Amino acid sequence: MASLLTSCKIVENIGIMPNATWDIAQLERKLPDGDTCPDGAVYTAHWTAALEENGESVGAYGSVGFGDPDPDNFTPFSELTKEEVLNWVFETLGPDQIITIEEGLYNQLQQKLNPTTEAGVPW
């Protein structure tokens, strides 16, 4: 997997928002059973993405699944970093989906900052 900086630069060139914050909320992994990697293998990452401006914030939550790890390029669970797992998420989502998520967040944030509708009753 490429480094986070490399992935961000690749994605950034096609429109990733520089003020978007991506994080990993949770990982799911298979526990060792003799047929899996000794430290278990991550099969799902739950991610969050957020934008904030002028005290307003919006967020998104999702998950991606992974296939079996490459035994020649395996990082034990205890040695994983957030950056490495974010790279997996970015590579799995792909640039188009990342842009769609961030554009959706941007639009939600703009609606909060500059509302065009309002709900309520007059009494």
N, C-alpha and C. Protein backbone atom coordinates (compact mmCIF):
# COMPACT_ATOMS: atom_id res chain seq x y z
N MET A 1 0.84 -1.18 0.00
CA MET A 1 0.00 0.00 0.00
C MET A 1 0.89 1.25 0.00
N ALA A 2 0.43 2.27 -0.68
CA ALA A 2 1.18 3.52 -0.76
C ALA A 2 1.12 4.25 0.57
N SER A 3 2.02 5.18 0.76
CA SER A 3 1.98 5.96 2.00
C SER A 3 0.81 6.92 1.97
N LEU A 4 0.38 7.38 3.14
CA LEU A 4 -0.75 8.30 3.24
C LEU A 4 -0.47 9.56 2.44
N LEU A 5 0.74 10.11 2.56
CA LEU A 5 1.05 11.33 1.84
C LEU A 5 0.94 11.12 0.34
N THR A 6 1.43 9.99 -0.15
CA THR A 6 1.32 9.70 -1.57
C THR A 6 -0.14 9.58 -1.97
N SER A 7 -0.94 8.85 -1.18
CA SER A 7 -2.35 8.69 -1.51
C SER A 7 -3.06 10.02 -1.49
N CYS A 8 -2.79 10.84 -0.48
CA CYS A 8 -3.46 12.14 -0.38
C CYS A 8 -3.07 13.02 -1.56
N LYS A 9 -1.81 13.00 -1.95
CA LYS A 9 -1.39 13.82 -3.08
C LYS A 9 -2.10 13.36 -4.35
N ILE A 10 -2.19 12.06 -4.55
CA ILE A 10 -2.88 11.55 -5.73
C ILE A 10 -4.33 11.99 -5.71
N VAL A 11 -5.00 11.80 -4.59
CA VAL A 11 -6.40 12.16 -4.48
C VAL A 11 -6.56 13.67 -4.51
N GLU A 12 -5.65 14.39 -3.86
CA GLU A 12 -5.72 15.84 -3.79
C GLU A 12 -5.71 16.45 -5.19
N ASN A 13 -4.93 15.89 -6.08
CA ASN A 13 -4.85 16.41 -7.43
C ASN A 13 -6.18 16.33 -8.17
N ILE A 14 -7.06 15.46 -7.73
CA ILE A 14 -8.34 15.35 -8.42
C ILE A 14 -9.48 15.89 -7.58
N GLY A 15 -9.19 16.58 -6.47
CA GLY A 15 -10.23 17.31 -5.79
C GLY A 15 -10.49 17.03 -4.34
N ILE A 16 -9.64 16.31 -3.62
CA ILE A 16 -9.90 16.11 -2.20
C ILE A 16 -9.84 17.47 -1.48
N MET A 17 -10.75 17.69 -0.55
CA MET A 17 -10.80 18.96 0.16
C MET A 17 -9.73 18.97 1.25
N PRO A 18 -8.85 19.96 1.24
CA PRO A 18 -7.73 19.96 2.17
C PRO A 18 -8.15 20.08 3.63
N ASN A 19 -9.34 20.61 3.90
CA ASN A 19 -9.77 20.76 5.30
C ASN A 19 -10.66 19.62 5.77
N ALA A 20 -10.82 18.58 4.95
CA ALA A 20 -11.58 17.41 5.39
C ALA A 20 -10.73 16.60 6.36
N THR A 21 -11.37 16.09 7.40
CA THR A 21 -10.68 15.27 8.39
C THR A 21 -11.23 13.85 8.29
N TRP A 22 -10.36 12.92 7.99
CA TRP A 22 -10.72 11.50 7.91
C TRP A 22 -10.13 10.78 9.11
N ASP A 23 -10.89 9.82 9.64
CA ASP A 23 -10.42 9.08 10.81
C ASP A 23 -10.93 7.64 10.72
N ILE A 24 -10.35 6.78 11.52
CA ILE A 24 -10.80 5.39 11.64
C ILE A 24 -11.51 5.26 12.97
N ALA A 25 -12.78 4.87 12.92
CA ALA A 25 -13.59 4.74 14.14
C ALA A 25 -13.43 3.35 14.76
N GLN A 26 -13.26 2.33 13.93
CA GLN A 26 -13.22 0.96 14.44
C GLN A 26 -12.65 0.04 13.37
N LEU A 27 -12.02 -1.02 13.80
CA LEU A 27 -11.56 -2.08 12.90
C LEU A 27 -12.16 -3.40 13.35
N GLU A 28 -12.49 -4.24 12.39
CA GLU A 28 -12.93 -5.60 12.68
C GLU A 28 -11.89 -6.54 12.10
N ARG A 29 -11.54 -7.56 12.87
CA ARG A 29 -10.52 -8.50 12.39
C ARG A 29 -10.88 -9.92 12.74
N LYS A 30 -10.35 -10.82 11.93
CA LYS A 30 -10.47 -12.24 12.20
C LYS A 30 -9.42 -12.59 13.24
N LEU A 31 -9.82 -13.34 14.24
CA LEU A 31 -8.86 -13.77 15.25
C LEU A 31 -8.07 -14.96 14.72
N PRO A 32 -6.85 -15.12 15.20
CA PRO A 32 -6.03 -16.25 14.74
C PRO A 32 -6.71 -17.58 15.02
N ASP A 33 -6.72 -18.45 14.03
CA ASP A 33 -7.32 -19.78 14.22
C ASP A 33 -6.45 -20.88 13.61
N GLY A 34 -5.23 -20.56 13.31
CA GLY A 34 -4.34 -21.53 12.69
C GLY A 34 -4.27 -21.36 11.19
N ASP A 35 -5.37 -20.90 10.58
CA ASP A 35 -5.38 -20.66 9.14
C ASP A 35 -5.21 -19.19 8.79
N THR A 36 -5.32 -18.32 9.79
CA THR A 36 -5.18 -16.89 9.52
C THR A 36 -3.82 -16.41 10.03
N CYS A 37 -3.53 -15.17 9.76
CA CYS A 37 -2.28 -14.58 10.22
C CYS A 37 -2.20 -14.66 11.74
N PRO A 38 -1.01 -14.78 12.31
CA PRO A 38 -0.85 -14.97 13.75
C PRO A 38 -1.50 -13.89 14.61
N ASP A 39 -1.59 -12.68 14.09
CA ASP A 39 -2.13 -11.57 14.86
C ASP A 39 -3.56 -11.24 14.41
N GLY A 40 -4.13 -12.09 13.58
CA GLY A 40 -5.45 -11.81 13.03
C GLY A 40 -5.33 -10.91 11.82
N ALA A 41 -6.41 -10.80 11.05
CA ALA A 41 -6.40 -10.00 9.84
C ALA A 41 -7.61 -9.09 9.81
N VAL A 42 -7.39 -7.81 9.54
CA VAL A 42 -8.47 -6.83 9.46
C VAL A 42 -9.29 -7.11 8.21
N TYR A 43 -10.61 -7.18 8.37
CA TYR A 43 -11.48 -7.39 7.22
C TYR A 43 -12.46 -6.25 7.00
N THR A 44 -12.63 -5.34 7.99
CA THR A 44 -13.50 -4.18 7.83
C THR A 44 -12.92 -3.00 8.59
N ALA A 45 -12.97 -1.83 7.95
CA ALA A 45 -12.60 -0.58 8.61
C ALA A 45 -13.81 0.34 8.58
N HIS A 46 -14.15 0.89 9.73
CA HIS A 46 -15.22 1.88 9.84
C HIS A 46 -14.55 3.24 9.89
N TRP A 47 -14.93 4.12 8.99
CA TRP A 47 -14.28 5.42 8.86
C TRP A 47 -15.26 6.56 9.13
N THR A 48 -14.69 7.72 9.44
CA THR A 48 -15.47 8.95 9.55
C THR A 48 -14.78 10.01 8.70
N ALA A 49 -15.57 10.93 8.20
CA ALA A 49 -15.06 12.09 7.48
C ALA A 49 -15.82 13.30 8.00
N ALA A 50 -15.13 14.42 8.16
CA ALA A 50 -15.78 15.61 8.72
C ALA A 50 -15.23 16.87 8.07
N LEU A 51 -16.08 17.89 8.04
CA LEU A 51 -15.70 19.24 7.64
C LEU A 51 -16.19 20.20 8.71
N GLU A 52 -15.42 21.24 8.95
CA GLU A 52 -15.80 22.23 9.95
C GLU A 52 -15.45 23.62 9.43
N GLU A 53 -16.35 24.57 9.70
CA GLU A 53 -16.09 25.95 9.30
C GLU A 53 -16.97 26.86 10.15
N ASN A 54 -16.38 27.92 10.65
CA ASN A 54 -17.11 28.93 11.43
C ASN A 54 -17.97 28.32 12.55
N GLY A 55 -17.44 27.34 13.24
CA GLY A 55 -18.15 26.73 14.36
C GLY A 55 -19.21 25.71 13.97
N GLU A 56 -19.45 25.51 12.69
CA GLU A 56 -20.40 24.50 12.21
C GLU A 56 -19.62 23.30 11.71
N SER A 57 -20.16 22.11 11.92
CA SER A 57 -19.49 20.92 11.43
C SER A 57 -20.51 19.92 10.90
N VAL A 58 -20.04 19.10 9.98
CA VAL A 58 -20.84 18.01 9.41
C VAL A 58 -19.94 16.79 9.32
N GLY A 59 -20.55 15.62 9.31
CA GLY A 59 -19.76 14.41 9.25
C GLY A 59 -20.44 13.29 8.50
N ALA A 60 -19.65 12.32 8.12
CA ALA A 60 -20.14 11.11 7.45
C ALA A 60 -19.46 9.91 8.09
N TYR A 61 -20.13 8.78 8.02
CA TYR A 61 -19.62 7.54 8.59
C TYR A 61 -19.86 6.43 7.58
N GLY A 62 -18.90 5.55 7.44
CA GLY A 62 -19.07 4.43 6.53
C GLY A 62 -18.11 3.31 6.88
N SER A 63 -18.16 2.26 6.10
CA SER A 63 -17.24 1.15 6.30
C SER A 63 -16.87 0.55 4.96
N VAL A 64 -15.70 -0.04 4.92
CA VAL A 64 -15.23 -0.74 3.73
C VAL A 64 -14.69 -2.09 4.16
N GLY A 65 -14.82 -3.06 3.28
CA GLY A 65 -14.32 -4.40 3.55
C GLY A 65 -13.07 -4.68 2.74
N PHE A 66 -12.26 -5.56 3.27
CA PHE A 66 -11.00 -5.93 2.62
C PHE A 66 -10.96 -7.44 2.42
N GLY A 67 -10.25 -7.84 1.38
CA GLY A 67 -10.03 -9.26 1.15
C GLY A 67 -8.90 -9.77 2.04
N ASP A 68 -8.48 -10.98 1.79
CA ASP A 68 -7.38 -11.55 2.55
C ASP A 68 -6.10 -10.76 2.29
N PRO A 69 -5.30 -10.54 3.32
CA PRO A 69 -4.07 -9.76 3.15
C PRO A 69 -3.03 -10.50 2.33
N ASP A 70 -2.16 -9.75 1.72
CA ASP A 70 -1.02 -10.30 0.99
C ASP A 70 0.00 -10.76 2.02
N PRO A 71 0.29 -12.06 2.10
CA PRO A 71 1.22 -12.55 3.13
C PRO A 71 2.63 -11.96 3.00
N ASP A 72 3.01 -11.50 1.81
CA ASP A 72 4.33 -10.91 1.60
C ASP A 72 4.37 -9.44 2.01
N ASN A 73 3.20 -8.85 2.24
CA ASN A 73 3.14 -7.43 2.59
C ASN A 73 2.16 -7.25 3.74
N PHE A 74 2.31 -8.07 4.77
CA PHE A 74 1.37 -8.09 5.88
C PHE A 74 1.92 -7.31 7.07
N THR A 75 1.09 -6.45 7.64
CA THR A 75 1.45 -5.73 8.86
C THR A 75 0.62 -6.31 10.00
N PRO A 76 1.25 -6.82 11.06
CA PRO A 76 0.50 -7.36 12.19
C PRO A 76 -0.45 -6.30 12.76
N PHE A 77 -1.60 -6.75 13.26
CA PHE A 77 -2.62 -5.86 13.80
C PHE A 77 -2.03 -4.89 14.82
N SER A 78 -1.19 -5.39 15.71
CA SER A 78 -0.62 -4.56 16.77
C SER A 78 0.33 -3.48 16.23
N GLU A 79 0.75 -3.59 14.97
CA GLU A 79 1.68 -2.63 14.39
C GLU A 79 1.01 -1.69 13.38
N LEU A 80 -0.28 -1.86 13.14
CA LEU A 80 -0.98 -0.99 12.19
C LEU A 80 -1.01 0.44 12.70
N THR A 81 -0.96 1.37 11.77
CA THR A 81 -1.12 2.78 12.11
C THR A 81 -2.40 3.29 11.46
N LYS A 82 -2.90 4.38 12.01
CA LYS A 82 -4.10 4.99 11.43
C LYS A 82 -3.84 5.37 9.97
N GLU A 83 -2.66 5.90 9.69
CA GLU A 83 -2.33 6.31 8.33
C GLU A 83 -2.38 5.13 7.36
N GLU A 84 -1.86 3.99 7.78
CA GLU A 84 -1.87 2.81 6.92
C GLU A 84 -3.30 2.36 6.63
N VAL A 85 -4.13 2.33 7.66
CA VAL A 85 -5.51 1.89 7.47
C VAL A 85 -6.29 2.92 6.65
N LEU A 86 -6.04 4.21 6.87
CA LEU A 86 -6.67 5.23 6.03
C LEU A 86 -6.29 5.04 4.56
N ASN A 87 -5.05 4.67 4.31
CA ASN A 87 -4.64 4.37 2.93
C ASN A 87 -5.48 3.25 2.35
N TRP A 88 -5.70 2.20 3.13
CA TRP A 88 -6.53 1.09 2.65
C TRP A 88 -7.93 1.59 2.33
N VAL A 89 -8.47 2.43 3.22
CA VAL A 89 -9.81 2.99 3.01
C VAL A 89 -9.84 3.81 1.72
N PHE A 90 -8.86 4.72 1.55
CA PHE A 90 -8.82 5.56 0.36
C PHE A 90 -8.70 4.72 -0.91
N GLU A 91 -7.83 3.72 -0.87
CA GLU A 91 -7.65 2.87 -2.05
C GLU A 91 -8.91 2.07 -2.35
N THR A 92 -9.61 1.63 -1.32
CA THR A 92 -10.84 0.86 -1.52
C THR A 92 -11.96 1.75 -2.04
N LEU A 93 -12.11 2.94 -1.44
CA LEU A 93 -13.15 3.86 -1.90
C LEU A 93 -12.87 4.37 -3.31
N GLY A 94 -11.64 4.70 -3.57
CA GLY A 94 -11.27 5.27 -4.86
C GLY A 94 -11.54 6.76 -4.90
N PRO A 95 -10.86 7.46 -5.80
CA PRO A 95 -10.97 8.91 -5.88
C PRO A 95 -12.39 9.42 -6.11
N ASP A 96 -13.15 8.78 -6.98
CA ASP A 96 -14.50 9.26 -7.28
C ASP A 96 -15.40 9.22 -6.05
N GLN A 97 -15.33 8.15 -5.28
CA GLN A 97 -16.16 8.04 -4.09
C GLN A 97 -15.72 9.01 -3.01
N ILE A 98 -14.42 9.22 -2.88
CA ILE A 98 -13.90 10.20 -1.91
C ILE A 98 -14.43 11.58 -2.26
N ILE A 99 -14.36 11.94 -3.54
CA ILE A 99 -14.86 13.24 -3.98
C ILE A 99 -16.36 13.36 -3.70
N THR A 100 -17.12 12.31 -3.98
CA THR A 100 -18.56 12.32 -3.73
C THR A 100 -18.86 12.55 -2.25
N ILE A 101 -18.15 11.86 -1.37
CA ILE A 101 -18.34 12.01 0.07
C ILE A 101 -18.02 13.44 0.50
N GLU A 102 -16.88 13.95 0.05
CA GLU A 102 -16.47 15.28 0.48
C GLU A 102 -17.36 16.37 -0.13
N GLU A 103 -17.81 16.19 -1.34
CA GLU A 103 -18.74 17.16 -1.93
C GLU A 103 -20.06 17.18 -1.16
N GLY A 104 -20.51 15.99 -0.76
CA GLY A 104 -21.72 15.91 0.06
C GLY A 104 -21.55 16.63 1.38
N LEU A 105 -20.42 16.44 2.02
CA LEU A 105 -20.13 17.15 3.27
C LEU A 105 -20.08 18.66 3.05
N TYR A 106 -19.43 19.07 1.98
CA TYR A 106 -19.33 20.49 1.67
C TYR A 106 -20.72 21.10 1.48
N ASN A 107 -21.57 20.41 0.72
CA ASN A 107 -22.92 20.91 0.47
C ASN A 107 -23.73 20.99 1.77
N GLN A 108 -23.60 19.99 2.63
CA GLN A 108 -24.29 20.02 3.93
C GLN A 108 -23.81 21.20 4.77
N LEU A 109 -22.50 21.41 4.76
CA LEU A 109 -21.93 22.50 5.55
C LEU A 109 -22.39 23.85 5.01
N GLN A 110 -22.42 24.00 3.71
CA GLN A 110 -22.88 25.26 3.13
C GLN A 110 -24.34 25.53 3.47
N GLN A 111 -25.15 24.48 3.50
CA GLN A 111 -26.56 24.63 3.86
C GLN A 111 -26.69 25.08 5.32
N LYS A 112 -25.83 24.57 6.19
CA LYS A 112 -25.86 25.00 7.59
C LYS A 112 -25.39 26.45 7.73
N LEU A 113 -24.38 26.83 6.97
CA LEU A 113 -23.83 28.18 7.06
C LEU A 113 -24.72 29.22 6.37
N ASN A 114 -25.37 28.80 5.29
CA ASN A 114 -26.20 29.69 4.49
C ASN A 114 -27.53 29.02 4.20
N PRO A 115 -28.38 28.87 5.20
CA PRO A 115 -29.63 28.11 5.00
C PRO A 115 -30.54 28.73 3.94
N THR A 116 -31.15 27.86 3.18
CA THR A 116 -32.12 28.30 2.17
C THR A 116 -33.53 27.84 2.51
N THR A 117 -33.65 27.04 3.56
CA THR A 117 -34.95 26.57 4.03
C THR A 117 -34.96 26.65 5.56
N GLU A 118 -36.18 26.58 6.08
CA GLU A 118 -36.33 26.62 7.53
C GLU A 118 -37.55 25.79 7.90
N ALA A 119 -37.51 25.13 9.03
CA ALA A 119 -38.64 24.34 9.50
C ALA A 119 -39.19 24.96 10.77
N GLY A 120 -40.44 24.76 11.03
CA GLY A 120 -41.03 25.27 12.25
C GLY A 120 -42.49 25.61 12.06
N VAL A 121 -43.09 26.08 13.09
CA VAL A 121 -44.48 26.51 13.03
C VAL A 121 -44.56 27.96 13.57
N PRO A 122 -45.55 28.74 13.12
CA PRO A 122 -45.60 30.13 13.55
C PRO A 122 -46.13 30.37 14.94
N TRP A 123 -46.61 29.39 15.64
CA TRP A 123 -47.16 29.61 16.98
C TRP A 123 -46.26 29.15 18.08
